[in-house]
């Protein structure tokens, strides 16, 4: 693991304090929050994916019903 358990714990705690951020581009709008960042960090830590691969990861690669996987 590239990070210790203590480092991951501190990162997760910081993610919990992040505010919601609105975004907009030419095709869409939306928002992200600390929970989204935490999910990305967990994906990277547990799979060993590169940041670019984790950022473009699609749940359809691991589940037949990606919409159901988004309800945590």
N, C-alpha and C. Protein backbone atom coordinates (compact mmCIF):
# COMPACT_ATOMS: atom_id res chain seq x y z
N UNK A 1 0.84 -1.18 0.00
CA UNK A 1 0.00 0.00 0.00
C UNK A 1 0.89 1.25 0.00
N UNK A 2 0.57 2.21 -0.84
CA UNK A 2 1.37 3.44 -0.88
C UNK A 2 1.14 4.35 0.32
N UNK A 3 0.04 4.16 1.03
CA UNK A 3 -0.28 4.98 2.19
C UNK A 3 -0.50 4.09 3.41
N UNK A 4 -0.13 4.60 4.58
CA UNK A 4 -0.35 3.84 5.81
C UNK A 4 -1.83 3.97 6.21
N UNK A 5 -2.25 3.13 7.13
CA UNK A 5 -3.63 3.20 7.63
C UNK A 5 -3.90 4.56 8.27
N UNK A 6 -2.94 5.10 8.98
CA UNK A 6 -3.10 6.41 9.60
C UNK A 6 -3.28 7.50 8.55
N UNK A 7 -2.47 7.45 7.49
CA UNK A 7 -2.60 8.44 6.41
C UNK A 7 -3.96 8.34 5.74
N UNK A 8 -4.42 7.12 5.46
CA UNK A 8 -5.74 6.95 4.84
C UNK A 8 -6.84 7.47 5.76
N UNK A 9 -6.73 7.20 7.04
CA UNK A 9 -7.72 7.68 8.00
C UNK A 9 -7.79 9.20 8.00
N UNK A 10 -6.64 9.85 7.96
CA UNK A 10 -6.60 11.32 7.92
C UNK A 10 -7.20 11.85 6.62
N UNK A 11 -6.95 11.18 5.52
CA UNK A 11 -7.52 11.59 4.23
C UNK A 11 -9.04 11.46 4.27
N UNK A 12 -9.54 10.33 4.79
CA UNK A 12 -10.99 10.11 4.87
C UNK A 12 -11.65 11.15 5.78
N UNK A 13 -11.01 11.49 6.89
CA UNK A 13 -11.54 12.49 7.80
C UNK A 13 -11.61 13.85 7.11
N UNK A 14 -10.59 14.18 6.36
CA UNK A 14 -10.58 15.44 5.61
C UNK A 14 -11.67 15.46 4.56
N UNK A 15 -11.89 14.34 3.88
CA UNK A 15 -12.95 14.26 2.88
C UNK A 15 -14.31 14.58 3.49
N UNK A 16 -14.53 14.14 4.74
CA UNK A 16 -15.81 14.39 5.40
C UNK A 16 -16.07 15.87 5.62
N UNK A 17 -15.03 16.69 5.63
CA UNK A 17 -15.20 18.12 5.87
C UNK A 17 -15.25 18.95 4.58
N UNK A 18 -15.13 18.32 3.43
CA UNK A 18 -15.15 19.08 2.17
C UNK A 18 -16.57 19.54 1.84
N UNK A 19 -16.72 20.77 1.35
CA UNK A 19 -18.06 21.26 0.99
C UNK A 19 -18.48 20.72 -0.38
N UNK A 20 -19.76 20.89 -0.68
CA UNK A 20 -20.25 20.55 -2.02
C UNK A 20 -19.73 21.59 -3.00
N UNK A 21 -19.34 21.12 -4.19
CA UNK A 21 -18.81 22.01 -5.22
C UNK A 21 -19.66 21.84 -6.48
N UNK A 22 -20.20 22.93 -6.98
CA UNK A 22 -20.97 22.91 -8.22
C UNK A 22 -20.00 23.01 -9.39
N UNK A 23 -20.29 22.27 -10.47
CA UNK A 23 -19.46 22.35 -11.66
C UNK A 23 -20.35 22.46 -12.88
N UNK A 24 -19.76 22.97 -13.95
CA UNK A 24 -20.50 23.13 -15.21
C UNK A 24 -19.50 23.12 -16.34
N UNK A 25 -19.84 22.44 -17.42
CA UNK A 25 -19.04 22.50 -18.63
C UNK A 25 -19.99 22.63 -19.81
N UNK A 26 -19.49 22.52 -21.01
CA UNK A 26 -20.31 22.73 -22.20
C UNK A 26 -21.41 21.67 -22.34
N UNK A 27 -21.23 20.50 -21.74
CA UNK A 27 -22.19 19.41 -21.93
C UNK A 27 -23.12 19.16 -20.75
N UNK A 28 -22.73 19.56 -19.54
CA UNK A 28 -23.51 19.17 -18.38
C UNK A 28 -23.19 20.05 -17.17
N UNK A 29 -23.95 19.84 -16.11
CA UNK A 29 -23.69 20.48 -14.83
C UNK A 29 -23.84 19.42 -13.73
N UNK A 30 -23.33 19.73 -12.57
CA UNK A 30 -23.48 18.79 -11.47
C UNK A 30 -22.78 19.30 -10.23
N UNK A 31 -22.61 18.41 -9.27
CA UNK A 31 -21.89 18.76 -8.06
C UNK A 31 -21.14 17.53 -7.56
N UNK A 32 -20.10 17.77 -6.80
CA UNK A 32 -19.38 16.70 -6.13
C UNK A 32 -19.12 17.15 -4.71
N UNK A 33 -18.84 16.18 -3.86
CA UNK A 33 -18.62 16.50 -2.45
C UNK A 33 -17.53 15.58 -1.89
N UNK A 34 -17.28 15.70 -0.62
CA UNK A 34 -16.24 14.90 0.03
C UNK A 34 -16.48 13.40 -0.08
N UNK A 35 -17.75 12.99 -0.09
CA UNK A 35 -18.06 11.56 -0.21
C UNK A 35 -17.59 11.03 -1.57
N UNK A 36 -17.70 11.83 -2.61
CA UNK A 36 -17.22 11.44 -3.94
C UNK A 36 -15.69 11.29 -3.94
N UNK A 37 -15.00 12.24 -3.29
CA UNK A 37 -13.55 12.18 -3.21
C UNK A 37 -13.12 10.95 -2.41
N UNK A 38 -13.82 10.69 -1.30
CA UNK A 38 -13.50 9.53 -0.47
C UNK A 38 -13.68 8.23 -1.26
N UNK A 39 -14.74 8.14 -2.04
CA UNK A 39 -14.97 6.96 -2.86
C UNK A 39 -13.85 6.75 -3.86
N UNK A 40 -13.39 7.84 -4.49
CA UNK A 40 -12.28 7.74 -5.43
C UNK A 40 -11.00 7.28 -4.72
N UNK A 41 -10.71 7.83 -3.56
CA UNK A 41 -9.52 7.43 -2.81
C UNK A 41 -9.59 5.95 -2.45
N UNK A 42 -10.76 5.49 -2.01
CA UNK A 42 -10.92 4.07 -1.67
C UNK A 42 -10.70 3.19 -2.90
N UNK A 43 -11.26 3.60 -4.03
CA UNK A 43 -11.07 2.84 -5.28
C UNK A 43 -9.59 2.73 -5.62
N UNK A 44 -8.88 3.85 -5.55
CA UNK A 44 -7.46 3.84 -5.89
C UNK A 44 -6.65 3.01 -4.89
N UNK A 45 -6.95 3.16 -3.60
CA UNK A 45 -6.18 2.45 -2.57
C UNK A 45 -6.38 0.94 -2.65
N UNK A 46 -7.60 0.51 -2.90
CA UNK A 46 -7.90 -0.93 -2.86
C UNK A 46 -7.66 -1.65 -4.18
N UNK A 47 -7.60 -0.91 -5.30
CA UNK A 47 -7.41 -1.58 -6.59
C UNK A 47 -6.03 -1.35 -7.17
N UNK A 48 -5.36 -0.28 -6.76
CA UNK A 48 -4.06 0.03 -7.34
C UNK A 48 -4.17 0.74 -8.68
N UNK A 49 -5.38 1.19 -9.03
CA UNK A 49 -5.55 1.92 -10.29
C UNK A 49 -4.81 3.25 -10.24
N UNK A 50 -4.42 3.73 -11.41
CA UNK A 50 -3.84 5.07 -11.52
C UNK A 50 -4.97 6.10 -11.35
N UNK A 51 -4.62 7.33 -11.01
CA UNK A 51 -5.62 8.37 -10.83
C UNK A 51 -6.46 8.54 -12.09
N UNK A 52 -5.83 8.56 -13.26
CA UNK A 52 -6.58 8.74 -14.51
C UNK A 52 -7.55 7.59 -14.75
N UNK A 53 -7.15 6.37 -14.40
CA UNK A 53 -8.04 5.22 -14.56
C UNK A 53 -9.18 5.27 -13.55
N UNK A 54 -8.89 5.67 -12.33
CA UNK A 54 -9.93 5.77 -11.31
C UNK A 54 -10.92 6.88 -11.63
N UNK A 55 -10.44 7.99 -12.17
CA UNK A 55 -11.31 9.11 -12.49
C UNK A 55 -12.27 8.79 -13.63
N UNK A 56 -11.89 7.88 -14.50
CA UNK A 56 -12.76 7.52 -15.63
C UNK A 56 -13.42 6.15 -15.43
N UNK A 57 -13.30 5.59 -14.23
CA UNK A 57 -13.86 4.27 -13.93
C UNK A 57 -15.38 4.32 -14.02
N UNK A 58 -15.97 3.28 -14.61
CA UNK A 58 -17.42 3.19 -14.73
C UNK A 58 -17.90 1.94 -14.01
N UNK A 59 -18.90 2.09 -13.17
CA UNK A 59 -19.41 0.97 -12.38
C UNK A 59 -19.92 -0.19 -13.23
N UNK A 60 -20.25 0.07 -14.49
CA UNK A 60 -20.73 -1.02 -15.35
C UNK A 60 -19.64 -2.07 -15.58
N UNK A 61 -18.40 -1.73 -15.25
CA UNK A 61 -17.30 -2.70 -15.41
C UNK A 61 -17.34 -3.78 -14.34
N UNK A 62 -18.02 -3.52 -13.22
CA UNK A 62 -18.02 -4.48 -12.12
C UNK A 62 -19.40 -4.93 -11.66
N UNK A 63 -20.45 -4.35 -12.21
CA UNK A 63 -21.80 -4.73 -11.81
C UNK A 63 -22.74 -4.66 -13.00
N UNK A 64 -23.69 -5.59 -13.09
CA UNK A 64 -24.62 -5.56 -14.21
C UNK A 64 -25.65 -4.43 -14.09
N UNK A 65 -25.82 -3.84 -12.90
CA UNK A 65 -26.79 -2.79 -12.69
C UNK A 65 -26.12 -1.60 -12.00
N UNK A 66 -25.41 -0.75 -12.77
CA UNK A 66 -24.65 0.34 -12.17
C UNK A 66 -25.51 1.33 -11.38
N UNK A 67 -26.76 1.54 -11.76
CA UNK A 67 -27.60 2.48 -11.04
C UNK A 67 -27.82 2.02 -9.61
N UNK A 68 -27.98 0.74 -9.40
CA UNK A 68 -28.18 0.20 -8.05
C UNK A 68 -26.91 0.36 -7.21
N UNK A 69 -25.76 0.32 -7.82
CA UNK A 69 -24.50 0.44 -7.09
C UNK A 69 -24.27 1.85 -6.57
N UNK A 70 -24.95 2.84 -7.11
CA UNK A 70 -24.74 4.22 -6.69
C UNK A 70 -25.52 4.58 -5.43
N UNK A 71 -26.36 3.70 -4.95
CA UNK A 71 -27.11 3.98 -3.72
C UNK A 71 -26.35 3.40 -2.55
N UNK A 72 -25.63 4.25 -1.82
CA UNK A 72 -24.85 3.73 -0.70
C UNK A 72 -25.65 3.80 0.54
